[in-house]
C-alpha cells in the first residue's frame, strides 16, 4: 500500500491556496467591512478588523488576501491635468500645424525640434537628445543631451538655438516658426513661455503623425545608423556628450547635402546671410539714389 504523507501533500499545494485557507474565516468579515464603506483601504480594513473583531492581520497579508479574493478597491485613476497649451491645441484641432500650411523658401523661416533616445554602453544605458534644426538650411542651431526627458532638455536646446541664431544673423527673425510634436515637454508652459517671449510662432504636429516632421526623423535615423557601433562602445555619459557634440559639429560644418547644392549647412547658411546683406545694401543704396 502506497500513501502520500501530510508533508508531501502540503508541499505540493499551491502557496496561494494554503494562504487563502489559513485566512478563510476572515473573508466574510472583510466583505462586510468593504460593503459598509466601499472607500476603505487596506489600512482602514486592518483597523476595522481589530476594533470590531480583535483580529490582527498584517498589511502585506491583508493586501495579498484582497487581491486573491478579488476584493481590491476599484479606485479611479487620476487623469493628468492638461496644460494650458494642450487645452489650446485641442481647441484648435488641425489648425495647430502652421508649418504644413507654410511655404518655406529660405533659412531662418522655420525650425523644427524633436527628442530621440540614444543608447550607449552596449545598449545598457540611454540618454535623450533634443535638437532644434533649420528646415531649409538644415543647420542644427541648438541641441541638448540629458539622462532624462525633463522640460529642461528641450528648453536647453531652444536656448542654444536662440543664441546661435543671434550669433549668425544678429537677431531672431519675427514670426519664425518653431515646429514640434505635442509631447508634454513641448506643450509645457515653461517651453512655450521661452519660445513666445522670443517672438517665435509655435506650430505642432498632429498627435501620432511623425511624418509631419520628416527632417527630424531623417537626422536621428542617420545619426543612429552611422554611429551606433561607436556609441555602443562609449561607457559613460560624459564621453557620450563629447561624442554627440563632435558629431553635430561635423554635421553642421562638413556634412555635404545634395539639397544644399553639395554644401555643408553652416556654409550654405553663411552664404545666404551674405547674399541677404548684399541685397539689403543694394536696396538702401537704391533708396538714397532715388
C-alpha atoms as a PDB file:
ATOM      1  CA  UNK A   1       0.000   0.000   0.000  1.00  0.00           C
ATOM      2  CA  UNK A   2       1.389   3.293  -1.040  1.00  0.00           C
ATOM      3  CA  UNK A   3       0.305   6.514   0.630  1.00  0.00           C
ATOM      4  CA  UNK A   4       1.062  10.243   0.419  1.00  0.00           C
ATOM      5  CA  UNK A   5       2.371  11.802   3.590  1.00  0.00           C
ATOM      6  CA  UNK A   6       0.887  15.004   5.014  1.00  0.00           C
ATOM      7  CA  UNK A   7       4.199  16.788   4.435  1.00  0.00           C
ATOM      8  CA  UNK A   8       4.260  15.829   0.774  1.00  0.00           C
ATOM      9  CA  UNK A   9       0.604  16.807   0.307  1.00  0.00           C
ATOM     10  CA  UNK A  10       1.008  20.311   1.713  1.00  0.00           C
ATOM     11  CA  UNK A  11       4.329  20.799  -0.038  1.00  0.00           C
ATOM     12  CA  UNK A  12       2.617  20.136  -3.380  1.00  0.00           C
ATOM     13  CA  UNK A  13      -0.246  22.528  -2.707  1.00  0.00           C
ATOM     14  CA  UNK A  14      -0.317  25.944  -4.365  1.00  0.00           C
ATOM     15  CA  UNK A  15       1.140  28.509  -1.884  1.00  0.00           C
ATOM     16  CA  UNK A  16      -1.772  30.855  -2.600  1.00  0.00           C
ATOM     17  CA  UNK A  17      -4.267  28.094  -1.819  1.00  0.00           C
ATOM     18  CA  UNK A  18      -2.597  27.405   1.521  1.00  0.00           C
ATOM     19  CA  UNK A  19      -2.542  31.120   2.281  1.00  0.00           C
ATOM     20  CA  UNK A  20      -6.241  31.549   1.432  1.00  0.00           C
ATOM     21  CA  UNK A  21      -7.192  28.512   3.512  1.00  0.00           C
ATOM     22  CA  UNK A  22      -5.350  29.955   6.505  1.00  0.00           C
ATOM     23  CA  UNK A  23      -7.439  33.134   6.475  1.00  0.00           C
ATOM     24  CA  UNK A  24     -10.707  31.799   5.005  1.00  0.00           C
ATOM     25  CA  UNK A  25     -12.544  32.539   8.259  1.00  0.00           C
ATOM     26  CA  UNK A  26     -11.911  36.259   7.703  1.00  0.00           C
ATOM     27  CA  UNK A  27     -13.406  36.516   4.209  1.00  0.00           C
ATOM     28  CA  UNK A  28     -16.992  37.211   5.339  1.00  0.00           C
ATOM     29  CA  UNK A  29     -15.841  39.805   7.873  1.00  0.00           C
ATOM     30  CA  UNK A  30     -13.714  41.628   5.311  1.00  0.00           C
ATOM     31  CA  UNK A  31     -16.545  41.604   2.748  1.00  0.00           C
ATOM     32  CA  UNK A  32     -18.869  43.084   5.382  1.00  0.00           C
ATOM     33  CA  UNK A  33     -16.390  45.884   6.169  1.00  0.00           C
ATOM     34  CA  UNK A  34     -15.989  46.750   2.479  1.00  0.00           C
ATOM     35  CA  UNK A  35     -19.764  46.781   1.917  1.00  0.00           C
ATOM     36  CA  UNK A  36     -20.136  49.118   4.887  1.00  0.00           C
ATOM     37  CA  UNK A  37     -17.611  51.545   3.387  1.00  0.00           C
ATOM     38  CA  UNK A  38     -16.541  50.960  -0.192  1.00  0.00           C
ATOM     39  CA  UNK A  39     -13.829  53.614   0.191  1.00  0.00           C
ATOM     40  CA  UNK A  40     -11.988  51.561   2.813  1.00  0.00           C
ATOM     41  CA  UNK A  41      -8.359  50.899   2.016  1.00  0.00           C
ATOM     42  CA  UNK A  42      -6.056  48.244   3.460  1.00  0.00           C
ATOM     43  CA  UNK A  43      -5.281  50.447   6.462  1.00  0.00           C
ATOM     44  CA  UNK A  44      -8.947  51.036   7.291  1.00  0.00           C
ATOM     45  CA  UNK A  45      -9.868  47.366   6.848  1.00  0.00           C
ATOM     46  CA  UNK A  46      -6.953  46.387   9.104  1.00  0.00           C
ATOM     47  CA  UNK A  47      -8.147  48.829  11.784  1.00  0.00           C
ATOM     48  CA  UNK A  48     -11.786  47.702  11.468  1.00  0.00           C
ATOM     49  CA  UNK A  49     -10.800  44.040  11.898  1.00  0.00           C
ATOM     50  CA  UNK A  50      -9.042  44.903  15.132  1.00  0.00           C
ATOM     51  CA  UNK A  51     -11.717  47.252  16.511  1.00  0.00           C
ATOM     52  CA  UNK A  52     -14.714  45.091  15.590  1.00  0.00           C
ATOM     53  CA  UNK A  53     -13.271  41.587  15.915  1.00  0.00           C
ATOM     54  CA  UNK A  54      -9.965  41.993  17.803  1.00  0.00           C
ATOM     55  CA  UNK A  55      -8.256  40.270  14.876  1.00  0.00           C
ATOM     56  CA  UNK A  56      -4.806  41.420  13.859  1.00  0.00           C
ATOM     57  CA  UNK A  57      -3.658  40.931  10.252  1.00  0.00           C
ATOM     58  CA  UNK A  58      -0.538  42.468   8.750  1.00  0.00           C
ATOM     59  CA  UNK A  59      -0.895  44.997   5.903  1.00  0.00           C
ATOM     60  CA  UNK A  60       1.010  42.843   3.407  1.00  0.00           C
ATOM     61  CA  UNK A  61      -1.015  39.748   4.238  1.00  0.00           C
ATOM     62  CA  UNK A  62      -4.273  41.691   4.024  1.00  0.00           C
ATOM     63  CA  UNK A  63      -3.316  43.219   0.689  1.00  0.00           C
ATOM     64  CA  UNK A  64      -2.476  39.767  -0.674  1.00  0.00           C
ATOM     65  CA  UNK A  65      -5.823  38.387   0.501  1.00  0.00           C
ATOM     66  CA  UNK A  66      -7.782  41.220  -1.116  1.00  0.00           C
ATOM     67  CA  UNK A  67      -6.000  40.511  -4.391  1.00  0.00           C
ATOM     68  CA  UNK A  68      -6.548  36.734  -4.230  1.00  0.00           C
ATOM     69  CA  UNK A  69     -10.222  37.154  -3.366  1.00  0.00           C
ATOM     70  CA  UNK A  70     -10.802  39.836  -5.991  1.00  0.00           C
ATOM     71  CA  UNK A  71     -11.726  42.392  -3.354  1.00  0.00           C
ATOM     72  CA  UNK A  72      -9.288  45.115  -4.371  1.00  0.00           C
ATOM     73  CA  UNK A  73     -10.778  48.550  -4.247  1.00  0.00           C
ATOM     74  CA  UNK A  74     -11.629  49.997  -7.606  1.00  0.00           C
ATOM     75  CA  UNK A  75     -10.112  53.408  -7.451  1.00  0.00           C
ATOM     76  CA  UNK A  76     -10.396  55.882 -10.313  1.00  0.00           C
ATOM     77  CA  UNK A  77      -7.081  56.632 -11.949  1.00  0.00           C
ATOM     78  CA  UNK A  78      -6.428  60.315 -11.839  1.00  0.00           C
ATOM     79  CA  UNK A  79      -6.012  61.740 -15.314  1.00  0.00           C
ATOM     80  CA  UNK A  80      -3.051  64.023 -15.713  1.00  0.00           C
ATOM     81  CA  UNK A  81      -4.127  67.637 -15.788  1.00  0.00           C
ATOM     82  CA  UNK A  82      -3.957  69.236 -19.219  1.00  0.00           C
ATOM     83  CA  UNK A  83      -1.593  72.164 -19.568  1.00  0.00           C
ATOM     84  CA  UNK A  84      -2.858  75.482 -20.933  1.00  0.00           C
ATOM     85  CA  UNK A  85      -1.039  74.772 -24.201  1.00  0.00           C
ATOM     86  CA  UNK A  86      -2.661  71.333 -24.533  1.00  0.00           C
ATOM     87  CA  UNK A  87      -6.112  72.856 -23.999  1.00  0.00           C
ATOM     88  CA  UNK A  88      -5.421  75.406 -26.724  1.00  0.00           C
ATOM     89  CA  UNK A  89      -4.183  72.686 -29.095  1.00  0.00           C
ATOM     90  CA  UNK A  90      -7.328  70.619 -28.510  1.00  0.00           C
ATOM     91  CA  UNK A  91      -9.460  73.689 -29.248  1.00  0.00           C
ATOM     92  CA  UNK A  92      -7.524  74.492 -32.421  1.00  0.00           C
ATOM     93  CA  UNK A  93      -7.583  70.858 -33.628  1.00  0.00           C
ATOM     94  CA  UNK A  94      -5.986  70.543 -37.103  1.00  0.00           C
ATOM     95  CA  UNK A  95      -5.110  74.249 -37.182  1.00  0.00           C
ATOM     96  CA  UNK A  96      -2.184  73.668 -34.805  1.00  0.00           C
ATOM     97  CA  UNK A  97       0.122  72.677 -37.677  1.00  0.00           C
ATOM     98  CA  UNK A  98       1.097  76.022 -39.171  1.00  0.00           C
ATOM     99  CA  UNK A  99       4.193  74.566 -40.827  1.00  0.00           C
ATOM    100  CA  UNK A 100       2.234  72.236 -43.110  1.00  0.00           C
ATOM    101  CA  UNK A 101       0.347  75.268 -44.457  1.00  0.00           C
ATOM    102  CA  UNK A 102       3.503  77.368 -44.938  1.00  0.00           C
ATOM    103  CA  UNK A 103       5.869  77.676 -47.889  1.00  0.00           C
ATOM    104  CA  UNK A 104       9.479  77.705 -46.692  1.00  0.00           C
ATOM    105  CA  UNK A 105      11.829  79.303 -49.205  1.00  0.00           C
ATOM    106  CA  UNK A 106      14.860  80.333 -47.122  1.00  0.00           C
ATOM    107  CA  UNK A 107      16.781  79.655 -43.902  1.00  0.00           C
ATOM    108  CA  UNK A 108      15.593  81.286 -40.677  1.00  0.00           C
ATOM    109  CA  UNK A 109      11.922  80.945 -41.653  1.00  0.00           C
ATOM    110  CA  UNK A 110      11.229  77.773 -39.660  1.00  0.00           C
ATOM    111  CA  UNK A 111      12.962  75.425 -37.248  1.00  0.00           C
ATOM    112  CA  UNK A 112      11.817  72.008 -36.072  1.00  0.00           C
ATOM    113  CA  UNK A 113      12.541  70.160 -32.851  1.00  0.00           C
ATOM    114  CA  UNK A 114      12.309  66.606 -31.582  1.00  0.00           C
ATOM    115  CA  UNK A 115      13.690  64.223 -28.952  1.00  0.00           C
ATOM    116  CA  UNK A 116      15.296  60.838 -29.579  1.00  0.00           C
ATOM    117  CA  UNK A 117      16.682  58.080 -27.365  1.00  0.00           C
ATOM    118  CA  UNK A 118      20.414  57.423 -27.689  1.00  0.00           C
ATOM    119  CA  UNK A 119      21.644  54.024 -26.475  1.00  0.00           C
ATOM    120  CA  UNK A 120      25.253  53.525 -25.395  1.00  0.00           C
ATOM    121  CA  UNK A 121      27.441  51.191 -23.301  1.00  0.00           C
ATOM    122  CA  UNK A 122      26.357  48.166 -25.364  1.00  0.00           C
ATOM    123  CA  UNK A 123      22.727  49.200 -25.071  1.00  0.00           C
ATOM    124  CA  UNK A 124      22.730  49.066 -21.272  1.00  0.00           C
ATOM    125  CA  UNK A 125      22.292  52.825 -20.846  1.00  0.00           C
ATOM    126  CA  UNK A 126      20.399  55.508 -22.682  1.00  0.00           C
ATOM    127  CA  UNK A 127      20.267  59.276 -22.901  1.00  0.00           C
ATOM    128  CA  UNK A 128      17.931  61.697 -24.641  1.00  0.00           C
ATOM    129  CA  UNK A 129      18.940  64.089 -27.413  1.00  0.00           C
ATOM    130  CA  UNK A 130      16.842  67.136 -28.315  1.00  0.00           C
ATOM    131  CA  UNK A 131      17.698  69.336 -31.282  1.00  0.00           C
ATOM    132  CA  UNK A 132      16.381  72.492 -32.974  1.00  0.00           C
ATOM    133  CA  UNK A 133      17.179  72.447 -36.676  1.00  0.00           C
ATOM    134  CA  UNK A 134      16.524  74.766 -39.621  1.00  0.00           C
ATOM    135  CA  UNK A 135      14.088  73.249 -42.116  1.00  0.00           C
ATOM    136  CA  UNK A 136      15.615  74.586 -45.315  1.00  0.00           C
ATOM    137  CA  UNK A 137      19.195  75.342 -44.243  1.00  0.00           C
ATOM    138  CA  UNK A 138      19.478  72.006 -42.356  1.00  0.00           C
ATOM    139  CA  UNK A 139      21.796  73.516 -39.739  1.00  0.00           C
ATOM    140  CA  UNK A 140      21.353  72.330 -36.145  1.00  0.00           C
ATOM    141  CA  UNK A 141      21.100  75.612 -34.237  1.00  0.00           C
ATOM    142  CA  UNK A 142      20.705  74.069 -30.809  1.00  0.00           C
ATOM    143  CA  UNK A 143      20.921  70.707 -29.085  1.00  0.00           C
ATOM    144  CA  UNK A 144      20.880  69.275 -25.582  1.00  0.00           C
ATOM    145  CA  UNK A 145      21.726  65.822 -24.223  1.00  0.00           C
ATOM    146  CA  UNK A 146      20.407  64.600 -20.868  1.00  0.00           C
ATOM    147  CA  UNK A 147      19.779  61.431 -18.908  1.00  0.00           C
ATOM    148  CA  UNK A 148      16.078  62.247 -18.536  1.00  0.00           C
ATOM    149  CA  UNK A 149      13.258  63.799 -20.546  1.00  0.00           C
ATOM    150  CA  UNK A 150      12.513  66.751 -18.283  1.00  0.00           C
ATOM    151  CA  UNK A 151      11.324  70.043 -19.758  1.00  0.00           C
ATOM    152  CA  UNK A 152      14.841  71.427 -19.218  1.00  0.00           C
ATOM    153  CA  UNK A 153      16.015  69.150 -22.063  1.00  0.00           C
ATOM    154  CA  UNK A 154      14.030  70.970 -24.758  1.00  0.00           C
ATOM    155  CA  UNK A 155      14.430  74.399 -23.163  1.00  0.00           C
ATOM    156  CA  UNK A 156      18.209  73.932 -23.109  1.00  0.00           C
ATOM    157  CA  UNK A 157      18.183  73.048 -26.809  1.00  0.00           C
ATOM    158  CA  UNK A 158      15.970  76.024 -27.646  1.00  0.00           C
ATOM    159  CA  UNK A 159      18.126  78.460 -25.670  1.00  0.00           C
ATOM    160  CA  UNK A 160      21.225  77.283 -27.566  1.00  0.00           C
ATOM    161  CA  UNK A 161      19.333  77.646 -30.840  1.00  0.00           C
ATOM    162  CA  UNK A 162      18.346  81.233 -29.998  1.00  0.00           C
ATOM    163  CA  UNK A 163      21.927  82.083 -29.052  1.00  0.00           C
ATOM    164  CA  UNK A 164      23.369  80.684 -32.295  1.00  0.00           C
ATOM    165  CA  UNK A 165      20.701  82.290 -34.491  1.00  0.00           C
ATOM    166  CA  UNK A 166      21.542  85.661 -32.950  1.00  0.00           C
ATOM    167  CA  UNK A 167      25.244  84.961 -33.450  1.00  0.00           C
ATOM    168  CA  UNK A 168      24.705  84.206 -37.145  1.00  0.00           C
ATOM    169  CA  UNK A 169      22.002  86.709 -38.049  1.00  0.00           C
ATOM    170  CA  UNK A 170      22.264  89.300 -35.291  1.00  0.00           C
ATOM    171  CA  UNK A 171      18.646  88.752 -34.237  1.00  0.00           C
ATOM    172  CA  UNK A 172      15.810  86.240 -34.126  1.00  0.00           C
ATOM    173  CA  UNK A 173      13.549  86.919 -37.124  1.00  0.00           C
ATOM    174  CA  UNK A 174       9.983  87.970 -36.387  1.00  0.00           C
ATOM    175  CA  UNK A 175       7.371  85.236 -36.757  1.00  0.00           C
ATOM    176  CA  UNK A 176       9.971  82.491 -37.208  1.00  0.00           C
ATOM    177  CA  UNK A 177       8.144  79.161 -36.951  1.00  0.00           C
ATOM    178  CA  UNK A 178       9.134  76.678 -34.264  1.00  0.00           C
ATOM    179  CA  UNK A 179       7.557  73.294 -35.060  1.00  0.00           C
ATOM    180  CA  UNK A 180       7.450  70.174 -32.857  1.00  0.00           C
ATOM    181  CA  UNK A 181       5.187  67.334 -31.743  1.00  0.00           C
ATOM    182  CA  UNK A 182       2.674  67.551 -28.916  1.00  0.00           C
ATOM    183  CA  UNK A 183       4.828  65.821 -26.296  1.00  0.00           C
ATOM    184  CA  UNK A 184       4.453  67.043 -22.719  1.00  0.00           C
ATOM    185  CA  UNK A 185       7.852  68.768 -22.833  1.00  0.00           C
ATOM    186  CA  UNK A 186       6.855  70.877 -25.835  1.00  0.00           C
ATOM    187  CA  UNK A 187       3.363  71.658 -24.556  1.00  0.00           C
ATOM    188  CA  UNK A 188       4.616  72.718 -21.131  1.00  0.00           C
ATOM    189  CA  UNK A 189       4.075  76.289 -20.011  1.00  0.00           C
ATOM    190  CA  UNK A 190       7.834  76.716 -19.447  1.00  0.00           C
ATOM    191  CA  UNK A 191       8.793  75.802 -23.023  1.00  0.00           C
ATOM    192  CA  UNK A 192       6.002  77.829 -24.626  1.00  0.00           C
ATOM    193  CA  UNK A 193       6.916  80.827 -22.472  1.00  0.00           C
ATOM    194  CA  UNK A 194      10.564  80.770 -23.634  1.00  0.00           C
ATOM    195  CA  UNK A 195       9.526  80.400 -27.296  1.00  0.00           C
ATOM    196  CA  UNK A 196       6.800  83.052 -27.322  1.00  0.00           C
ATOM    197  CA  UNK A 197       8.905  85.608 -25.446  1.00  0.00           C
ATOM    198  CA  UNK A 198      11.432  85.257 -28.281  1.00  0.00           C
ATOM    199  CA  UNK A 199       8.676  86.085 -30.830  1.00  0.00           C
ATOM    200  CA  UNK A 200       8.718  82.550 -32.214  1.00  0.00           C
ATOM    201  CA  UNK A 201       5.453  81.202 -33.627  1.00  0.00           C
ATOM    202  CA  UNK A 202       4.655  77.764 -32.229  1.00  0.00           C
ATOM    203  CA  UNK A 203       3.475  75.046 -34.607  1.00  0.00           C
ATOM    204  CA  UNK A 204       2.567  71.484 -33.576  1.00  0.00           C
ATOM    205  CA  UNK A 205       2.232  68.185 -35.433  1.00  0.00           C
ATOM    206  CA  UNK A 206      -0.982  66.227 -35.233  1.00  0.00           C
ATOM    207  CA  UNK A 207      -0.622  63.568 -32.480  1.00  0.00           C
ATOM    208  CA  UNK A 208       0.681  60.247 -33.802  1.00  0.00           C
ATOM    209  CA  UNK A 209       1.976  61.619 -37.110  1.00  0.00           C
ATOM    210  CA  UNK A 210       5.809  61.543 -37.175  1.00  0.00           C
ATOM    211  CA  UNK A 211       5.626  62.026 -40.956  1.00  0.00           C
ATOM    212  CA  UNK A 212       4.751  65.673 -40.290  1.00  0.00           C
ATOM    213  CA  UNK A 213       8.314  66.196 -39.052  1.00  0.00           C
ATOM    214  CA  UNK A 214      10.379  64.232 -41.600  1.00  0.00           C
ATOM    215  CA  UNK A 215      13.544  66.325 -41.271  1.00  0.00           C
ATOM    216  CA  UNK A 216      13.990  65.310 -37.658  1.00  0.00           C
ATOM    217  CA  UNK A 217      13.256  61.655 -38.358  1.00  0.00           C
ATOM    218  CA  UNK A 218      15.905  61.688 -41.090  1.00  0.00           C
ATOM    219  CA  UNK A 219      18.512  63.379 -38.877  1.00  0.00           C
ATOM    220  CA  UNK A 220      18.118  60.958 -35.985  1.00  0.00           C
ATOM    221  CA  UNK A 221      17.866  57.972 -38.310  1.00  0.00           C
ATOM    222  CA  UNK A 222      21.181  58.749 -39.992  1.00  0.00           C
ATOM    223  CA  UNK A 223      22.911  59.546 -36.721  1.00  0.00           C
ATOM    224  CA  UNK A 224      21.982  56.168 -35.267  1.00  0.00           C
ATOM    225  CA  UNK A 225      22.643  54.230 -38.454  1.00  0.00           C
ATOM    226  CA  UNK A 226      26.108  55.689 -38.943  1.00  0.00           C
ATOM    227  CA  UNK A 227      27.228  55.964 -35.303  1.00  0.00           C
ATOM    228  CA  UNK A 228      25.507  53.196 -33.338  1.00  0.00           C
ATOM    229  CA  UNK A 229      28.591  50.951 -33.246  1.00  0.00           C
ATOM    230  CA  UNK A 230      30.719  53.809 -31.907  1.00  0.00           C
ATOM    231  CA  UNK A 231      28.066  54.810 -29.365  1.00  0.00           C
ATOM    232  CA  UNK A 232      27.801  51.223 -28.151  1.00  0.00           C
ATOM    233  CA  UNK A 233      31.466  51.364 -27.126  1.00  0.00           C
ATOM    234  CA  UNK A 234      31.008  54.560 -25.099  1.00  0.00           C
ATOM    235  CA  UNK A 235      30.984  53.764 -21.389  1.00  0.00           C
ATOM    236  CA  UNK A 236      29.693  56.906 -19.644  1.00  0.00           C
ATOM    237  CA  UNK A 237      27.501  59.961 -20.181  1.00  0.00           C
ATOM    238  CA  UNK A 238      30.420  62.418 -20.237  1.00  0.00           C
ATOM    239  CA  UNK A 239      32.011  60.565 -23.146  1.00  0.00           C
ATOM    240  CA  UNK A 240      28.677  60.384 -24.952  1.00  0.00           C
ATOM    241  CA  UNK A 241      28.141  64.138 -24.569  1.00  0.00           C
ATOM    242  CA  UNK A 242      31.540  64.853 -26.103  1.00  0.00           C
ATOM    243  CA  UNK A 243      30.848  62.388 -28.925  1.00  0.00           C
ATOM    244  CA  UNK A 244      27.463  63.956 -29.799  1.00  0.00           C
ATOM    245  CA  UNK A 245      28.986  67.439 -29.675  1.00  0.00           C
ATOM    246  CA  UNK A 246      31.658  66.439 -32.206  1.00  0.00           C
ATOM    247  CA  UNK A 247      29.141  64.714 -34.471  1.00  0.00           C
ATOM    248  CA  UNK A 248      26.837  67.738 -34.596  1.00  0.00           C
ATOM    249  CA  UNK A 249      29.822  69.991 -35.267  1.00  0.00           C
ATOM    250  CA  UNK A 250      30.803  67.697 -38.143  1.00  0.00           C
ATOM    251  CA  UNK A 251      27.214  67.669 -39.414  1.00  0.00           C
ATOM    252  CA  UNK A 252      26.989  71.469 -39.402  1.00  0.00           C
ATOM    253  CA  UNK A 253      30.445  72.256 -40.740  1.00  0.00           C
ATOM    254  CA  UNK A 254      31.452  69.380 -43.021  1.00  0.00           C
ATOM    255  CA  UNK A 255      28.496  67.144 -43.914  1.00  0.00           C
ATOM    256  CA  UNK A 256      27.568  67.877 -47.557  1.00  0.00           C
ATOM    257  CA  UNK A 257      23.873  67.929 -48.512  1.00  0.00           C
ATOM    258  CA  UNK A 258      22.589  67.471 -52.043  1.00  0.00           C
ATOM    259  CA  UNK A 259      19.614  69.661 -51.130  1.00  0.00           C
ATOM    260  CA  UNK A 260      22.108  72.478 -50.352  1.00  0.00           C
ATOM    261  CA  UNK A 261      23.999  72.201 -53.639  1.00  0.00           C
ATOM    262  CA  UNK A 262      26.538  69.874 -52.015  1.00  0.00           C
ATOM    263  CA  UNK A 263      27.398  72.349 -49.283  1.00  0.00           C
ATOM    264  CA  UNK A 264      27.576  71.906 -45.533  1.00  0.00           C
ATOM    265  CA  UNK A 265      24.710  73.549 -43.595  1.00  0.00           C
ATOM    266  CA  UNK A 266      26.898  76.233 -41.993  1.00  0.00           C
ATOM    267  CA  UNK A 267      28.482  77.308 -45.297  1.00  0.00           C
ATOM    268  CA  UNK A 268      25.090  77.375 -47.019  1.00  0.00           C
ATOM    269  CA  UNK A 269      23.613  79.484 -44.211  1.00  0.00           C
ATOM    270  CA  UNK A 270      26.560  81.887 -44.153  1.00  0.00           C
ATOM    271  CA  UNK A 271      26.261  82.331 -47.922  1.00  0.00           C
ATOM    272  CA  UNK A 272      22.568  83.060 -47.546  1.00  0.00           C
ATOM    273  CA  UNK A 273      23.321  85.729 -44.911  1.00  0.00           C
ATOM    274  CA  UNK A 274      25.980  87.264 -47.162  1.00  0.00           C
ATOM    275  CA  UNK A 275      23.566  87.445 -50.104  1.00  0.00           C
ATOM    276  CA  UNK A 276      20.874  88.839 -47.826  1.00  0.00           C
ATOM    277  CA  UNK A 277      23.207  91.584 -46.619  1.00  0.00           C
ATOM    278  CA  UNK A 278      24.182  92.486 -50.195  1.00  0.00           C
ATOM    279  CA  UNK A 279      20.549  92.625 -51.211  1.00  0.00           C
ATOM    280  CA  UNK A 280      19.652  94.929 -48.315  1.00  0.00           C
ATOM    281  CA  UNK A 281      22.657  97.151 -49.081  1.00  0.00           C
ATOM    282  CA  UNK A 282      21.510  97.492 -52.703  1.00  0.00           C
ATOM    283  CA  UNK A 283      18.017  98.436 -51.559  1.00  0.00           C
ATOM    284  CA  UNK A 284      19.383 101.134 -49.250  1.00  0.00           C
ATOM    285  CA  UNK A 285      21.700 102.449 -51.970  1.00  0.00           C
ATOM    286  CA  UNK A 286      18.841 102.484 -54.481  1.00  0.00           C
ATOM    287  CA  UNK A 287      16.684 104.409 -51.996  1.00  0.00           C
ATOM    288  CA  UNK A 288      19.289 107.137 -51.468  1.00  0.00           C
ATOM    289  CA  UNK A 289      19.933 107.464 -55.199  1.00  0.00           C
ATOM    290  CA  UNK A 290      16.234 107.782 -55.863  1.00  0.00           C
END
